């Protein structure tokens, strides 16, 4: 689970890091894990 300060930060993560991190997981665990994205807003 990750926390981003803004939607722009989240989009930057998706654009620059998500594919590599998913590949790292697949390389390590093959099809023995589940990854998914969800986006929630913190409500105070």
PDB file of N, CA and C in Angstrom:
ATOM      1  N   UNK A   1       0.850  -1.168   0.000  1.00  0.00           N
ATOM      2  CA  UNK A   1       0.000   0.000   0.000  1.00  0.00           C
ATOM      3  C   UNK A   1       0.897   1.232   0.000  1.00  0.00           C
ATOM      4  N   UNK A   2       0.503   2.217  -0.775  1.00  0.00           N
ATOM      5  CA  UNK A   2       1.273   3.450  -0.894  1.00  0.00           C
ATOM      6  C   UNK A   2       0.378   4.639  -0.591  1.00  0.00           C
ATOM      7  N   UNK A   3       0.987   5.740  -0.191  1.00  0.00           N
ATOM      8  CA  UNK A   3       0.281   6.989   0.052  1.00  0.00           C
ATOM      9  C   UNK A   3       0.918   8.059  -0.826  1.00  0.00           C
ATOM     10  N   UNK A   4       0.097   8.843  -1.500  1.00  0.00           N
ATOM     11  CA  UNK A   4       0.590   9.954  -2.316  1.00  0.00           C
ATOM     12  C   UNK A   4      -0.021  11.248  -1.801  1.00  0.00           C
ATOM     13  N   UNK A   5       0.766  12.291  -1.794  1.00  0.00           N
ATOM     14  CA  UNK A   5       0.284  13.597  -1.337  1.00  0.00           C
ATOM     15  C   UNK A   5      -0.770  14.180  -2.273  1.00  0.00           C
ATOM     16  N   UNK A   6      -0.704  13.825  -3.554  1.00  0.00           N
ATOM     17  CA  UNK A   6      -1.630  14.413  -4.527  1.00  0.00           C
ATOM     18  C   UNK A   6      -1.899  13.428  -5.657  1.00  0.00           C
ATOM     19  N   UNK A   7      -2.923  13.709  -6.437  1.00  0.00           N
ATOM     20  CA  UNK A   7      -3.237  12.886  -7.614  1.00  0.00           C
ATOM     21  C   UNK A   7      -2.088  12.969  -8.613  1.00  0.00           C
ATOM     22  N   UNK A   8      -1.453  14.130  -8.706  1.00  0.00           N
ATOM     23  CA  UNK A   8      -0.304  14.286  -9.602  1.00  0.00           C
ATOM     24  C   UNK A   8       0.839  13.356  -9.184  1.00  0.00           C
ATOM     25  N   UNK A   9       1.093  13.241  -7.883  1.00  0.00           N
ATOM     26  CA  UNK A   9       2.127  12.318  -7.395  1.00  0.00           C
ATOM     27  C   UNK A   9       1.765  10.877  -7.735  1.00  0.00           C
ATOM     28  N   UNK A  10       0.513  10.523  -7.558  1.00  0.00           N
ATOM     29  CA  UNK A  10       0.051   9.172  -7.906  1.00  0.00           C
ATOM     30  C   UNK A  10       0.274   8.907  -9.395  1.00  0.00           C
ATOM     31  N   UNK A  11      -0.114   9.858 -10.226  1.00  0.00           N
ATOM     32  CA  UNK A  11       0.054   9.694 -11.673  1.00  0.00           C
ATOM     33  C   UNK A  11       1.526   9.564 -12.049  1.00  0.00           C
ATOM     34  N   UNK A  12       2.392  10.306 -11.365  1.00  0.00           N
ATOM     35  CA  UNK A  12       3.835  10.198 -11.599  1.00  0.00           C
ATOM     36  C   UNK A  12       4.332   8.795 -11.232  1.00  0.00           C
ATOM     37  N   UNK A  13       3.854   8.270 -10.116  1.00  0.00           N
ATOM     38  CA  UNK A  13       4.215   6.900  -9.719  1.00  0.00           C
ATOM     39  C   UNK A  13       3.791   5.905 -10.805  1.00  0.00           C
ATOM     40  N   UNK A  14       2.551   6.022 -11.275  1.00  0.00           N
ATOM     41  CA  UNK A  14       2.055   5.112 -12.309  1.00  0.00           C
ATOM     42  C   UNK A  14       2.923   5.210 -13.560  1.00  0.00           C
ATOM     43  N   UNK A  15       3.229   6.429 -13.952  1.00  0.00           N
ATOM     44  CA  UNK A  15       3.984   6.645 -15.187  1.00  0.00           C
ATOM     45  C   UNK A  15       5.431   6.174 -15.088  1.00  0.00           C
ATOM     46  N   UNK A  16       6.077   6.380 -13.947  1.00  0.00           N
ATOM     47  CA  UNK A  16       7.520   6.156 -13.850  1.00  0.00           C
ATOM     48  C   UNK A  16       7.941   4.894 -13.097  1.00  0.00           C
ATOM     49  N   UNK A  17       7.071   4.323 -12.264  1.00  0.00           N
ATOM     50  CA  UNK A  17       7.528   3.234 -11.394  1.00  0.00           C
ATOM     51  C   UNK A  17       6.659   1.978 -11.406  1.00  0.00           C
ATOM     52  N   UNK A  18       5.378   2.114 -11.671  1.00  0.00           N
ATOM     53  CA  UNK A  18       4.452   0.995 -11.482  1.00  0.00           C
ATOM     54  C   UNK A  18       4.808  -0.223 -12.328  1.00  0.00           C
ATOM     55  N   UNK A  19       5.124  -0.016 -13.586  1.00  0.00           N
ATOM     56  CA  UNK A  19       5.418  -1.153 -14.463  1.00  0.00           C
ATOM     57  C   UNK A  19       6.646  -1.926 -13.976  1.00  0.00           C
ATOM     58  N   UNK A  20       7.683  -1.203 -13.573  1.00  0.00           N
ATOM     59  CA  UNK A  20       8.899  -1.863 -13.081  1.00  0.00           C
ATOM     60  C   UNK A  20       8.625  -2.638 -11.796  1.00  0.00           C
ATOM     61  N   UNK A  21       7.871  -2.040 -10.873  1.00  0.00           N
ATOM     62  CA  UNK A  21       7.592  -2.721  -9.611  1.00  0.00           C
ATOM     63  C   UNK A  21       6.724  -3.956  -9.825  1.00  0.00           C
ATOM     64  N   UNK A  22       5.769  -3.877 -10.755  1.00  0.00           N
ATOM     65  CA  UNK A  22       4.959  -5.057 -11.064  1.00  0.00           C
ATOM     66  C   UNK A  22       5.841  -6.154 -11.649  1.00  0.00           C
ATOM     67  N   UNK A  23       6.760  -5.780 -12.543  1.00  0.00           N
ATOM     68  CA  UNK A  23       7.671  -6.763 -13.125  1.00  0.00           C
ATOM     69  C   UNK A  23       8.553  -7.384 -12.047  1.00  0.00           C
ATOM     70  N   UNK A  24       9.038  -6.572 -11.108  1.00  0.00           N
ATOM     71  CA  UNK A  24       9.845  -7.108 -10.004  1.00  0.00           C
ATOM     72  C   UNK A  24       9.066  -8.179  -9.242  1.00  0.00           C
ATOM     73  N   UNK A  25       7.799  -7.923  -8.960  1.00  0.00           N
ATOM     74  CA  UNK A  25       6.963  -8.900  -8.264  1.00  0.00           C
ATOM     75  C   UNK A  25       6.761 -10.163  -9.076  1.00  0.00           C
ATOM     76  N   UNK A  26       6.494  -9.992 -10.366  1.00  0.00           N
ATOM     77  CA  UNK A  26       6.305 -11.153 -11.242  1.00  0.00           C
ATOM     78  C   UNK A  26       7.590 -11.964 -11.354  1.00  0.00           C
ATOM     79  N   UNK A  27       8.723 -11.276 -11.477  1.00  0.00           N
ATOM     80  CA  UNK A  27      10.006 -11.986 -11.557  1.00  0.00           C
ATOM     81  C   UNK A  27      10.279 -12.781 -10.283  1.00  0.00           C
ATOM     82  N   UNK A  28       9.899 -12.236  -9.145  1.00  0.00           N
ATOM     83  CA  UNK A  28      10.182 -12.893  -7.866  1.00  0.00           C
ATOM     84  C   UNK A  28       9.183 -14.001  -7.547  1.00  0.00           C
ATOM     85  N   UNK A  29       7.877 -13.750  -7.768  1.00  0.00           N
ATOM     86  CA  UNK A  29       6.846 -14.685  -7.327  1.00  0.00           C
ATOM     87  C   UNK A  29       6.035 -15.311  -8.455  1.00  0.00           C
ATOM     88  N   UNK A  30       6.322 -14.972  -9.700  1.00  0.00           N
ATOM     89  CA  UNK A  30       5.575 -15.548 -10.819  1.00  0.00           C
ATOM     90  C   UNK A  30       4.099 -15.224 -10.717  1.00  0.00           C
ATOM     91  N   UNK A  31       3.272 -16.249 -10.842  1.00  0.00           N
ATOM     92  CA  UNK A  31       1.816 -16.032 -10.758  1.00  0.00           C
ATOM     93  C   UNK A  31       1.282 -16.339  -9.358  1.00  0.00           C
ATOM     94  N   UNK A  32       2.146 -16.283  -8.351  1.00  0.00           N
ATOM     95  CA  UNK A  32       1.753 -16.611  -6.979  1.00  0.00           C
ATOM     96  C   UNK A  32       1.389 -15.382  -6.147  1.00  0.00           C
ATOM     97  N   UNK A  33       1.061 -14.274  -6.801  1.00  0.00           N
ATOM     98  CA  UNK A  33       0.623 -13.086  -6.074  1.00  0.00           C
ATOM     99  C   UNK A  33      -0.445 -12.366  -6.881  1.00  0.00           C
ATOM    100  N   UNK A  34      -1.153 -11.491  -6.208  1.00  0.00           N
ATOM    101  CA  UNK A  34      -2.184 -10.679  -6.849  1.00  0.00           C
ATOM    102  C   UNK A  34      -1.844  -9.219  -6.591  1.00  0.00           C
ATOM    103  N   UNK A  35      -1.847  -8.432  -7.638  1.00  0.00           N
ATOM    104  CA  UNK A  35      -1.632  -6.995  -7.504  1.00  0.00           C
ATOM    105  C   UNK A  35      -2.801  -6.255  -8.127  1.00  0.00           C
ATOM    106  N   UNK A  36      -3.218  -5.195  -7.491  1.00  0.00           N
ATOM    107  CA  UNK A  36      -4.305  -4.390  -8.051  1.00  0.00           C
ATOM    108  C   UNK A  36      -4.162  -2.958  -7.567  1.00  0.00           C
ATOM    109  N   UNK A  37      -4.794  -2.066  -8.290  1.00  0.00           N
ATOM    110  CA  UNK A  37      -4.750  -0.650  -7.936  1.00  0.00           C
ATOM    111  C   UNK A  37      -6.121  -0.196  -7.491  1.00  0.00           C
ATOM    112  N   UNK A  38      -6.123   0.620  -6.487  1.00  0.00           N
ATOM    113  CA  UNK A  38      -7.341   1.327  -6.090  1.00  0.00           C
ATOM    114  C   UNK A  38      -6.896   2.702  -5.617  1.00  0.00           C
ATOM    115  N   UNK A  39      -7.756   3.653  -5.770  1.00  0.00           N
ATOM    116  CA  UNK A  39      -7.435   5.022  -5.403  1.00  0.00           C
ATOM    117  C   UNK A  39      -8.501   5.509  -4.447  1.00  0.00           C
ATOM    118  N   UNK A  40      -8.069   5.953  -3.268  1.00  0.00           N
ATOM    119  CA  UNK A  40      -9.007   6.444  -2.257  1.00  0.00           C
ATOM    120  C   UNK A  40      -8.584   7.839  -1.823  1.00  0.00           C
ATOM    121  N   UNK A  41      -9.537   8.577  -1.357  1.00  0.00           N
ATOM    122  CA  UNK A  41      -9.276   9.919  -0.857  1.00  0.00           C
ATOM    123  C   UNK A  41      -9.384   9.911   0.657  1.00  0.00           C
ATOM    124  N   UNK A  42      -8.417  10.538   1.325  1.00  0.00           N
ATOM    125  CA  UNK A  42      -8.462  10.657   2.777  1.00  0.00           C
ATOM    126  C   UNK A  42      -9.521  11.689   3.138  1.00  0.00           C
ATOM    127  N   UNK A  43     -10.417  11.301   4.038  1.00  0.00           N
ATOM    128  CA  UNK A  43     -11.472  12.207   4.500  1.00  0.00           C
ATOM    129  C   UNK A  43     -11.227  12.485   5.974  1.00  0.00           C
ATOM    130  N   UNK A  44     -11.099  13.737   6.317  1.00  0.00           N
ATOM    131  CA  UNK A  44     -10.860  14.110   7.717  1.00  0.00           C
ATOM    132  C   UNK A  44     -12.140  14.539   8.382  1.00  0.00           C
TER     133      UNK A  44
END
